[in-house]
Amino acid sequence: MKKLSLLAINYSSPPMASARAIQVSRLLCGLDADVSLFCGSDPEGARDDTIAPDMDRVLRMVARVPFSRSMISKISDYASEKTGAYHGNIPDAQKRWNPRALAEIFRGWDDVAPDVMMTFGNPMSTHLAGLKVKKEKGVPWVAHFSDPWTDNIYRNDNPVTMR
């Protein structure tokens, strides 16, 4: 019997040092499926190479799509924060990662050929990438929302998403 082919989109993945990276890597590595993971790669973020050190061997494919915020973006977000405009980070600062990730996903679509797709938030913009894939390719989609987007006591970067 053929294993289920899963396309996973998750911005935070090892070696990023975050709770989301730990949680999702454990889940994906434990599945009895052929998992193709498209995730972020943030050169400015914290790293921990001990988190899921064999993930690249366990999963069918791991594509780390580079993302870093430009100085202009950082200045714009800082100015937005000071003025209360918050246009640059709605729904979150990683939304600018989506076009790069989508380009990689669509470029390798024939190699991935997923039976199902799963997206993980936070950041919630990851689900926007999943929505685009769903609309263009029609693949069944599971969205794992986990941490809330609004009323999240750990998120104070954007009052627009607060109550």
Protein backbone atom coordinates (compact mmCIF):
# COMPACT_ATOMS: atom_id res chain seq x y z
CA MET A 1 0.00 0.00 0.00
CA LYS A 2 1.28 3.43 -0.98
CA LYS A 3 2.11 5.81 1.87
CA LEU A 4 0.13 9.01 2.13
CA SER A 5 1.99 11.93 0.54
CA LEU A 6 1.78 15.04 2.72
CA LEU A 7 2.79 18.59 1.83
CA ALA A 8 3.52 20.48 5.06
CA ILE A 9 3.94 24.26 5.21
CA ASN A 10 5.33 25.53 8.49
CA TYR A 11 7.43 28.67 8.83
CA SER A 12 9.08 27.61 12.11
CA SER A 13 11.06 24.41 11.78
CA PRO A 14 14.38 23.14 13.12
CA PRO A 15 17.00 24.34 13.52
CA MET A 16 14.89 27.38 14.49
CA ALA A 17 14.71 27.43 18.27
CA SER A 18 11.00 27.81 18.95
CA ALA A 19 8.19 25.86 20.55
CA ARG A 20 6.45 25.64 17.15
CA ALA A 21 9.57 24.12 15.55
CA ILE A 22 9.75 21.46 18.26
CA GLN A 23 6.04 20.63 18.16
CA VAL A 24 5.70 20.37 14.40
CA SER A 25 8.97 18.49 13.85
CA ARG A 26 7.87 15.85 16.38
CA LEU A 27 4.51 15.51 14.68
CA LEU A 28 5.86 15.30 11.13
CA CYS A 29 8.71 12.91 12.00
CA GLY A 30 6.25 10.61 13.76
CA LEU A 31 3.82 10.28 10.86
CA ASP A 32 3.72 7.18 8.70
CA ALA A 33 3.67 9.31 5.54
CA ASP A 34 5.93 10.71 2.87
CA VAL A 35 6.29 14.26 4.16
CA SER A 36 7.56 17.14 2.04
CA LEU A 37 8.13 20.13 4.30
CA PHE A 38 8.47 23.73 3.14
CA CYS A 39 9.67 25.88 6.00
CA GLY A 40 11.45 29.12 6.75
CA SER A 41 15.11 29.78 7.27
CA ASP A 42 15.81 32.89 9.32
CA PRO A 43 19.49 33.82 9.61
CA GLU A 44 18.69 36.34 12.36
CA GLY A 45 16.69 33.98 14.55
CA ALA A 46 17.81 31.75 17.39
CA ARG A 47 19.12 28.30 16.39
CA ASP A 48 19.31 25.01 18.19
CA ASP A 49 20.83 22.19 16.15
CA THR A 50 19.79 19.61 18.77
CA ILE A 51 16.09 19.96 17.86
CA ALA A 52 15.14 17.07 15.56
CA PRO A 53 18.70 16.60 14.27
CA ASP A 54 17.67 13.74 11.96
CA MET A 55 14.54 15.42 10.54
CA ASP A 56 16.16 15.85 7.12
CA ARG A 57 16.73 12.09 6.91
CA VAL A 58 13.30 11.06 8.26
CA LEU A 59 11.19 13.29 6.02
CA ARG A 60 10.98 12.79 2.27
CA MET A 61 12.08 16.37 1.64
CA VAL A 62 12.81 19.51 3.64
CA ALA A 63 12.98 22.78 1.71
CA ARG A 64 14.17 25.67 3.87
CA VAL A 65 13.08 28.86 2.15
CA PRO A 66 15.26 31.79 3.25
CA PHE A 67 13.59 34.79 4.81
CA SER A 68 14.91 37.85 6.48
CA ARG A 69 13.34 41.23 6.85
CA SER A 70 15.01 44.04 4.96
CA MET A 71 16.17 47.14 6.79
CA ILE A 72 13.43 49.12 5.02
CA SER A 73 10.84 46.61 6.24
CA LYS A 74 12.15 46.83 9.79
CA ILE A 75 12.11 50.63 9.72
CA SER A 76 8.61 50.62 8.22
CA ASP A 77 7.36 48.23 10.90
CA TYR A 78 9.00 50.32 13.62
CA ALA A 79 7.37 53.50 12.27
CA SER A 80 4.04 51.70 11.98
CA GLU A 81 4.30 50.56 15.57
CA LYS A 82 5.04 54.09 16.78
CA THR A 83 2.16 55.59 14.78
CA GLY A 84 -0.30 52.75 15.36
CA ALA A 85 -0.71 52.01 11.62
CA TYR A 86 0.58 48.39 11.74
CA HIS A 87 0.19 47.89 8.00
CA GLY A 88 3.48 46.07 7.61
CA ASN A 89 2.83 43.14 9.89
CA ILE A 90 -0.78 42.16 9.36
CA PRO A 91 -1.40 39.35 9.94
CA ASP A 92 2.27 38.94 10.94
CA ALA A 93 5.81 39.86 9.94
CA GLN A 94 6.34 36.56 8.13
CA LYS A 95 3.70 37.29 5.46
CA ARG A 96 6.51 38.43 3.17
CA TRP A 97 7.87 34.87 3.29
CA ASN A 98 4.79 33.47 1.52
CA PRO A 99 5.64 34.46 -2.09
CA ARG A 100 9.06 32.83 -1.79
CA ALA A 101 7.63 29.68 -0.24
CA LEU A 102 4.85 29.47 -2.82
CA ALA A 103 7.34 29.84 -5.67
CA GLU A 104 9.33 26.89 -4.27
CA ILE A 105 6.22 24.79 -3.72
CA PHE A 106 4.86 25.36 -7.22
CA ARG A 107 8.30 24.88 -8.80
CA GLY A 108 8.60 21.43 -7.24
CA TRP A 109 4.93 20.47 -7.45
CA ASP A 110 5.42 17.43 -9.70
CA ASP A 111 8.03 16.01 -7.30
CA VAL A 112 5.84 16.60 -4.24
CA ALA A 113 2.48 15.42 -5.71
CA PRO A 114 0.71 15.50 -2.33
CA ASP A 115 -2.44 13.60 -1.40
CA VAL A 116 -3.09 16.19 1.30
CA MET A 117 -1.61 19.48 2.56
CA MET A 118 -1.23 20.70 6.13
CA THR A 119 -0.37 24.21 7.30
CA PHE A 120 0.66 25.25 10.79
CA GLY A 121 0.17 28.60 12.51
CA ASN A 122 1.57 30.66 14.25
CA PRO A 123 2.48 32.61 12.15
CA MET A 124 -1.02 32.69 10.71
CA SER A 125 0.21 33.93 7.33
CA THR A 126 1.34 30.34 6.72
CA HIS A 127 -2.35 29.53 6.27
CA LEU A 128 -2.57 32.20 3.57
CA ALA A 129 0.06 30.27 1.62
CA GLY A 130 -2.00 27.12 2.13
CA LEU A 131 -5.11 28.88 0.86
CA LYS A 132 -3.29 29.84 -2.33
CA VAL A 133 -2.14 26.23 -2.87
CA LYS A 134 -5.67 24.96 -2.20
CA LYS A 135 -7.16 27.38 -4.74
CA GLU A 136 -4.56 26.67 -7.43
CA LYS A 137 -4.08 22.91 -7.00
CA GLY A 138 -7.27 21.73 -5.30
CA VAL A 139 -5.41 19.50 -2.85
CA PRO A 140 -7.29 18.61 0.38
CA TRP A 141 -6.11 20.91 3.18
CA VAL A 142 -5.82 20.64 6.96
CA ALA A 143 -5.09 23.91 8.77
CA HIS A 144 -3.65 23.58 12.29
CA PHE A 145 -4.32 26.89 14.04
CA SER A 146 -2.96 26.00 17.50
CA ASP A 147 -2.09 29.32 19.16
CA PRO A 148 -4.82 31.89 18.77
CA TRP A 149 -4.31 34.84 16.46
CA THR A 150 -6.41 37.16 18.58
CA ASP A 151 -6.32 37.40 22.36
CA ASN A 152 -2.97 35.62 22.46
CA ILE A 153 -1.35 36.73 25.71
CA TYR A 154 2.11 35.96 24.28
CA ARG A 155 1.66 38.19 21.25
CA ASN A 156 1.96 41.91 21.80
CA ASP A 157 3.46 42.96 18.47
CA ASN A 158 0.23 43.99 16.82
CA PRO A 159 -2.72 45.58 18.65
CA VAL A 160 -4.84 45.21 15.48
CA THR A 161 -5.03 41.47 16.20
CA MET A 162 -5.86 42.06 19.85
CA ARG A 163 -9.38 42.46 21.10
